[in-house]
Every structure is written in C-alpha cells, then in structure tokens.
C-alpha cells in the first residue's frame, strides 16, 4: 500500500526548494527520489502539483504520496559473516559496525542481506519480502552486535511473536554522556516520528508507540558512563532516543547527541540475545564480546 505523509511548512522554511525540504524531513526519501515523486505528480503544495524547483513560500501544507516500494533485485555478495550459531531454522549473526542490515535507497550493496543471500541461498524466510529476507529484527548501521535471522516462515513467525510478547531477550551495552544520578532506572516514554525532522524519532504522545528501556550503570568515568540496557520494547532508535531524552545521549551519536572525535557513529553494541527456539522449544542465549572500537573508548576513559 502507498503511504501519504503531510508536512506543515513553517515560515523559517520559506525560500527552500521543495525537493530538499521533503528529503530533509522524510527519512527514507533521498532528494533524487523526491524529484521523481514530484515528476509523477505525487507531491502537492496546498493541493496543487508543483515542479521540483518550486520554492516554498512558508505556511503551505505539503502532501507526499509514497508508492509501495518495488522489489529490488537484491544480489548475493560474498561478504564474510561472523556467524555465532546456525541450524536449519535460524542463524545468529554478529553484525559489524558500519554494515547496513538490508538494502534501501543509497545502500543497495554491501548489506547484511546481500551477505545472507550468498550464504543461505534460498533458505531465508520470505515474510518481509525480497528486500528483507530472513530479517526478524534490525539494528542500526552504526550499532554492532547480535541479531537473529529466520530461515523459514514458521521460524520467523514464532520469533516475531516472542518479540511482540516481550519475551525475546535483547541486551545492549553503551557508553553514555554525563554522570548518572541513579545506577539503575527505567525509561518509559512513547516514541514516534519527529514532527519537524522526519529523519529522527523522538519522545512524543502524538502518533507514537509504547517504549520501555531498562538501564544499569556498570561504571562511571567522570562525565561518561558504561551502561547496560535491556529492551522491553523494540522501537526505531529506541535506546538512542531514550538515553538522549534523559540527558545522557550515546557517545558519538551525531543524530541525538554529538559526534566524538575518532569515533564514527554511536558507541552502542547489541551484546546479548535470548529466545525460545522456534522448532525445539529450548531457550537459547548468546553473547558477543565488546568489539575493538568499544574497548578502545573504554581504555581512553580509564586513563582520563
């Protein structure tokens, strides 16, 4: 199904080109894609079609109809995978920082899905379509760590049910900015799309979903903290949004915090996952050692 997004232009945006404004405010759309939507008549300003070089006057209502994405011709690629566990039903992969999980605009190759297609061939669940075969849950490009991949639809459905029921264990470790007053705590705050910057999520009551993150401070380093986090829910950017919301953004997060010299992206690692095996019914749990980039930052903090 197509999706319709409505944007309310503010006076501050007056004079901006409409294609740039839309790409800046809708995360999944690049400027070239927006230009194609404009050419196809899928973008309206106050109910009227416009050209791609249309300059905003301010106070317009922009309507963008995003057609259902066409299947991508995703090709297998011989990319090494760090496989922690594998059987005929699923596999657990330790994703490196910097790898995108599935193809999308601007990232058609070099993704985890490209690597999985090479490794697994046709043995991946098809519930999420050809763009995301086998992908039960995701982690951000600049987040490292464990995620589970389903090899058939039956396994995918049972694993998804566990995530929905909050019985799927997901623990992360992060380095957060600031000194925590409490060594343990819970952030219970709904998350939805940012009303101005559509590339971001935020804590909001409008068009949001229930979100809960539990945290404990492993060690405080002056103005930084090594933190363990457990997801009760799994919303987009949940840990990054919640930590920023309580005043302790993830170190290096240039979207919800600030960049950190020598670190590309946030210092966040999906360290543990646990689940009931969809075929055997046994509980399984896997842990991943902290990667070199994470340990390097910890070593620097130890010396401060």
Protein backbone atom coordinates (compact mmCIF):
# COMPACT_ATOMS: atom_id res chain seq x y z
CA UNK A 1 0.00 0.00 0.00
CA UNK A 2 1.11 3.56 -0.65
CA UNK A 3 1.78 5.91 2.24
CA UNK A 4 0.72 9.56 2.45
CA UNK A 5 2.81 11.96 4.54
CA UNK A 6 1.68 15.51 5.32
CA UNK A 7 4.20 18.21 6.20
CA UNK A 8 3.36 21.65 7.58
CA UNK A 9 5.81 24.25 6.25
CA UNK A 10 6.89 26.92 8.71
CA UNK A 11 7.90 30.50 7.86
CA UNK A 12 11.53 29.55 8.64
CA UNK A 13 11.49 27.23 5.60
CA UNK A 14 10.41 29.98 3.21
CA UNK A 15 12.66 30.07 0.14
CA UNK A 16 13.79 26.44 0.39
CA UNK A 17 13.46 24.18 -2.62
CA UNK A 18 10.64 21.72 -2.12
CA UNK A 19 12.71 18.67 -3.10
CA UNK A 20 15.37 19.45 -0.50
CA UNK A 21 12.77 20.27 2.15
CA UNK A 22 10.99 16.94 1.67
CA UNK A 23 14.18 14.86 1.65
CA UNK A 24 15.29 16.64 4.84
CA UNK A 25 12.01 15.80 6.56
CA UNK A 26 11.20 12.28 5.39
CA UNK A 27 13.93 9.89 6.43
CA UNK A 28 13.50 7.24 3.74
CA UNK A 29 13.48 9.60 0.75
CA UNK A 30 16.59 10.91 -0.97
CA UNK A 31 16.46 14.11 -2.97
CA UNK A 32 16.56 12.26 -6.29
CA UNK A 33 13.67 10.03 -5.22
CA UNK A 34 11.67 13.11 -4.20
CA UNK A 35 12.29 14.65 -7.61
CA UNK A 36 10.87 11.51 -9.20
CA UNK A 37 7.78 11.70 -7.00
CA UNK A 38 7.30 15.35 -7.97
CA UNK A 39 7.59 14.48 -11.67
CA UNK A 40 4.98 11.75 -11.22
CA UNK A 41 2.56 14.18 -9.56
CA UNK A 42 2.81 12.57 -6.12
CA UNK A 43 3.72 15.82 -4.35
CA UNK A 44 1.18 18.56 -3.73
CA UNK A 45 1.57 22.01 -2.18
CA UNK A 46 -1.78 23.21 -0.85
CA UNK A 47 -3.44 20.65 -3.10
CA UNK A 48 -1.64 21.63 -6.31
CA UNK A 49 1.13 19.88 -8.19
CA UNK A 50 4.48 21.67 -8.32
CA UNK A 51 7.82 21.48 -10.12
CA UNK A 52 10.96 20.14 -8.44
CA UNK A 53 12.49 23.63 -8.24
CA UNK A 54 9.41 25.09 -6.53
CA UNK A 55 10.43 27.45 -3.74
CA UNK A 56 8.44 27.27 -0.52
CA UNK A 57 6.53 30.41 0.46
CA UNK A 58 6.05 29.32 4.07
CA UNK A 59 2.86 28.04 5.75
CA UNK A 60 2.00 25.64 2.91
CA UNK A 61 0.74 22.13 3.54
CA UNK A 62 2.82 19.63 1.59
CA UNK A 63 1.33 16.23 0.79
CA UNK A 64 3.64 13.45 -0.33
CA UNK A 65 2.26 10.15 -1.59
CA UNK A 66 4.92 7.46 -1.35
CA UNK A 67 4.06 4.49 -3.59
CA UNK A 68 4.59 0.95 -2.36
CA UNK A 69 8.25 0.15 -3.00
CA UNK A 70 9.02 -2.05 -5.96
CA UNK A 71 11.01 -5.19 -5.19
CA UNK A 72 14.74 -4.65 -5.54
CA UNK A 73 16.91 -7.05 -7.49
CA UNK A 74 18.98 -7.83 -4.43
CA UNK A 75 22.02 -9.86 -5.39
CA UNK A 76 24.07 -12.28 -3.29
CA UNK A 77 27.51 -10.97 -2.35
CA UNK A 78 30.43 -12.92 -0.94
CA UNK A 79 30.80 -10.87 2.23
CA UNK A 80 32.27 -12.62 5.29
CA UNK A 81 29.81 -13.16 8.13
CA UNK A 82 30.54 -13.64 11.82
CA UNK A 83 28.05 -16.44 12.49
CA UNK A 84 27.64 -17.22 16.18
CA UNK A 85 25.10 -20.03 15.71
CA UNK A 86 23.34 -21.71 12.79
CA UNK A 87 20.93 -24.58 12.18
CA UNK A 88 18.29 -25.40 9.58
CA UNK A 89 15.79 -22.95 11.12
CA UNK A 90 17.79 -19.83 12.02
CA UNK A 91 21.16 -18.24 12.45
CA UNK A 92 22.58 -15.68 14.86
CA UNK A 93 24.94 -13.14 13.31
CA UNK A 94 27.36 -10.74 14.96
CA UNK A 95 26.97 -7.65 12.76
CA UNK A 96 29.95 -5.32 12.49
CA UNK A 97 29.59 -1.60 13.00
CA UNK A 98 29.09 0.22 9.70
CA UNK A 99 27.13 -2.53 7.94
CA UNK A 100 23.57 -1.75 6.84
CA UNK A 101 21.11 -4.57 7.57
CA UNK A 102 19.04 -4.50 4.37
CA UNK A 103 19.08 -2.69 1.02
CA UNK A 104 17.42 0.72 0.87
CA UNK A 105 17.84 3.96 -1.02
CA UNK A 106 21.54 4.75 -1.09
CA UNK A 107 22.58 1.30 0.16
CA UNK A 108 21.84 -1.34 -2.46
CA UNK A 109 25.00 -3.41 -1.95
CA UNK A 110 27.27 -4.47 0.87
CA UNK A 111 24.38 -5.08 3.27
CA UNK A 112 23.80 -7.95 5.64
CA UNK A 113 21.01 -9.21 3.37
CA UNK A 114 23.39 -9.35 0.38
CA UNK A 115 25.75 -11.45 2.52
CA UNK A 116 22.93 -13.69 3.78
CA UNK A 117 21.70 -14.39 0.25
CA UNK A 118 25.17 -15.63 -0.66
CA UNK A 119 25.50 -17.73 2.49
CA UNK A 120 21.97 -19.14 2.70
CA UNK A 121 20.78 -19.13 -0.90
CA UNK A 122 17.01 -19.61 -0.95
CA UNK A 123 16.91 -20.73 2.69
CA UNK A 124 15.56 -17.50 4.19
CA UNK A 125 12.07 -16.57 5.33
CA UNK A 126 10.03 -14.52 2.90
CA UNK A 127 7.66 -12.79 5.31
CA UNK A 128 9.36 -9.38 4.96
CA UNK A 129 9.61 -9.65 1.17
CA UNK A 130 12.58 -9.72 -1.17
CA UNK A 131 14.13 -6.58 0.34
CA UNK A 132 14.40 -8.01 3.87
CA UNK A 133 14.51 -11.83 3.56
CA UNK A 134 15.05 -13.53 6.90
CA UNK A 135 15.23 -10.28 8.86
CA UNK A 136 13.25 -10.65 12.09
CA UNK A 137 14.59 -7.51 13.81
CA UNK A 138 17.17 -4.86 12.94
CA UNK A 139 19.95 -2.86 14.48
CA UNK A 140 21.26 0.45 13.18
CA UNK A 141 24.11 0.72 10.70
CA UNK A 142 26.49 2.14 13.32
CA UNK A 143 25.40 -0.26 16.05
CA UNK A 144 27.36 -3.50 16.29
CA UNK A 145 26.26 -6.81 17.70
CA UNK A 146 23.87 -9.74 17.58
CA UNK A 147 20.72 -10.23 15.60
CA UNK A 148 18.73 -13.28 14.62
CA UNK A 149 17.83 -14.35 11.06
CA UNK A 150 15.00 -16.77 10.22
CA UNK A 151 15.48 -19.40 7.52
CA UNK A 152 11.80 -20.19 7.06
CA UNK A 153 8.45 -18.52 7.61
CA UNK A 154 7.43 -20.75 10.53
CA UNK A 155 10.56 -19.79 12.47
CA UNK A 156 10.09 -16.13 11.54
CA UNK A 157 6.53 -16.05 12.85
CA UNK A 158 7.38 -17.71 16.18
CA UNK A 159 10.37 -15.44 16.77
CA UNK A 160 8.31 -12.36 15.89
CA UNK A 161 5.64 -13.45 18.37
CA UNK A 162 8.28 -13.57 21.13
CA UNK A 163 9.43 -10.05 20.29
CA UNK A 164 5.84 -8.83 20.35
CA UNK A 165 5.21 -10.54 23.68
CA UNK A 166 8.42 -9.02 25.16
CA UNK A 167 9.85 -12.49 25.91
CA UNK A 168 12.78 -12.09 23.50
CA UNK A 169 15.88 -11.00 25.44
CA UNK A 170 17.84 -8.09 23.96
CA UNK A 171 20.62 -6.53 26.00
CA UNK A 172 22.94 -3.78 24.84
CA UNK A 173 25.96 -2.01 26.21
CA UNK A 174 26.66 1.65 25.53
CA UNK A 175 28.89 4.47 26.58
CA UNK A 176 26.66 7.38 27.55
CA UNK A 177 27.49 11.01 28.15
CA UNK A 178 27.10 12.52 31.63
CA UNK A 179 27.04 11.40 35.24
CA UNK A 180 24.01 9.30 36.18
CA UNK A 181 22.29 10.15 39.47
CA UNK A 182 20.83 6.66 39.75
CA UNK A 183 22.77 3.50 38.98
CA UNK A 184 19.63 1.71 37.76
CA UNK A 185 16.47 3.00 36.17
CA UNK A 186 13.72 2.64 33.59
CA UNK A 187 12.75 4.98 30.78
CA UNK A 188 9.05 4.53 29.99
CA UNK A 189 8.29 7.08 27.28
CA UNK A 190 6.44 6.69 23.94
CA UNK A 191 8.42 7.10 20.72
CA UNK A 192 7.23 8.43 17.37
CA UNK A 193 8.47 10.26 14.31
CA UNK A 194 9.83 13.77 14.99
CA UNK A 195 7.21 16.33 13.91
CA UNK A 196 9.79 18.58 12.21
CA UNK A 197 12.79 16.43 11.28
CA UNK A 198 11.29 13.31 9.73
CA UNK A 199 14.66 11.54 9.72
CA UNK A 200 14.57 11.43 13.52
CA UNK A 201 12.48 9.77 16.19
CA UNK A 202 11.56 11.43 19.47
CA UNK A 203 9.63 11.01 22.69
CA UNK A 204 6.13 12.20 21.87
CA UNK A 205 2.49 11.49 22.64
CA UNK A 206 1.43 12.05 19.02
CA UNK A 207 1.34 9.04 16.64
CA UNK A 208 3.71 7.20 18.96
CA UNK A 209 4.23 3.69 20.28
CA UNK A 210 4.78 2.47 23.83
CA UNK A 211 8.51 2.16 24.54
CA UNK A 212 10.37 0.93 27.64
CA UNK A 213 14.13 0.71 28.23
CA UNK A 214 15.76 -0.54 31.44
CA UNK A 215 19.32 0.53 32.25
CA UNK A 216 22.05 -0.06 34.81
CA UNK A 217 25.36 1.77 35.11
CA UNK A 218 28.31 -0.64 35.01
CA UNK A 219 30.93 2.02 35.67
CA UNK A 220 31.00 5.80 35.86
CA UNK A 221 34.01 7.61 34.31
CA UNK A 222 33.53 11.20 35.40
CA UNK A 223 31.44 12.68 32.61
CA UNK A 224 30.85 9.34 30.86
CA UNK A 225 29.25 6.06 31.85
CA UNK A 226 29.46 2.45 30.70
CA UNK A 227 25.82 1.35 30.68
CA UNK A 228 23.95 -1.92 30.19
CA UNK A 229 20.47 -1.64 28.68
CA UNK A 230 17.61 -4.10 28.27
CA UNK A 231 14.87 -3.53 25.73
CA UNK A 232 11.35 -4.31 26.84
CA UNK A 233 10.05 -2.99 23.52
CA UNK A 234 11.89 -2.50 20.25
CA UNK A 235 11.14 0.83 18.62
CA UNK A 236 13.26 2.51 15.96
CA UNK A 237 16.35 4.12 17.57
CA UNK A 238 14.82 3.33 20.98
CA UNK A 239 17.97 3.28 23.12
CA UNK A 240 19.44 6.31 21.39
CA UNK A 241 16.22 8.30 21.78
CA UNK A 242 15.58 7.27 25.39
CA UNK A 243 19.12 7.99 26.60
CA UNK A 244 19.08 11.37 24.88
CA UNK A 245 15.67 12.08 26.42
CA UNK A 246 17.02 11.60 29.96
CA UNK A 247 20.05 13.77 29.20
CA UNK A 248 22.60 11.01 28.59
CA UNK A 249 22.97 10.56 24.81
CA UNK A 250 25.03 7.67 23.48
CA UNK A 251 28.63 8.75 22.94
CA UNK A 252 29.27 9.56 19.28
CA UNK A 253 25.60 9.70 18.31
CA UNK A 254 25.56 12.61 15.87
CA UNK A 255 21.76 12.45 15.48
CA UNK A 256 20.60 12.51 19.10
CA UNK A 257 23.80 13.77 20.70
CA UNK A 258 27.16 14.97 19.42
CA UNK A 259 29.99 13.40 17.38
CA UNK A 260 33.01 12.11 19.28
CA UNK A 261 36.48 12.62 17.83
CA UNK A 262 37.90 9.42 16.41
CA UNK A 263 34.57 7.55 16.61
CA UNK A 264 32.28 7.10 13.63
CA UNK A 265 28.71 6.84 14.86
CA UNK A 266 27.46 5.84 18.30
CA UNK A 267 29.17 3.61 20.84
CA UNK A 268 26.40 1.01 21.12
CA UNK A 269 26.66 -2.78 20.99
CA UNK A 270 23.92 -5.44 20.95
CA UNK A 271 25.69 -7.80 23.37
CA UNK A 272 23.11 -10.46 24.24
CA UNK A 273 20.03 -12.06 22.71
CA UNK A 274 17.92 -14.86 24.15
CA UNK A 275 14.89 -16.65 22.71
CA UNK A 276 12.93 -19.88 22.66
CA UNK A 277 14.00 -21.92 19.65
CA UNK A 278 11.02 -21.95 17.26
CA UNK A 279 11.41 -25.68 16.50
CA UNK A 280 12.86 -27.34 19.61
CA UNK A 281 11.25 -25.12 22.25
CA UNK A 282 14.55 -24.80 24.11
CA UNK A 283 15.67 -21.45 25.47
CA UNK A 284 18.88 -20.27 23.81
CA UNK A 285 21.08 -17.33 24.73
CA UNK A 286 24.11 -15.86 23.01
CA UNK A 287 26.60 -13.17 23.99
CA UNK A 288 29.04 -11.15 21.93
CA UNK A 289 32.31 -9.73 23.23
CA UNK A 290 32.65 -5.97 23.11
CA UNK A 291 34.27 -5.04 19.78
CA UNK A 292 37.63 -3.30 19.48
CA UNK A 293 36.17 0.16 18.84
CA UNK A 294 34.16 -0.05 22.07
CA UNK A 295 37.07 -1.33 24.16
CA UNK A 296 39.33 1.36 22.73
CA UNK A 297 36.99 4.08 24.02
CA UNK A 298 36.77 2.40 27.43
CA UNK A 299 40.56 2.30 27.62
CA UNK A 300 40.73 6.01 26.89
CA UNK A 301 38.18 6.74 29.60
CA UNK A 302 40.14 4.64 32.11
CA UNK A 303 43.15 6.90 31.54
CA UNK A 304 41.28 10.19 31.86
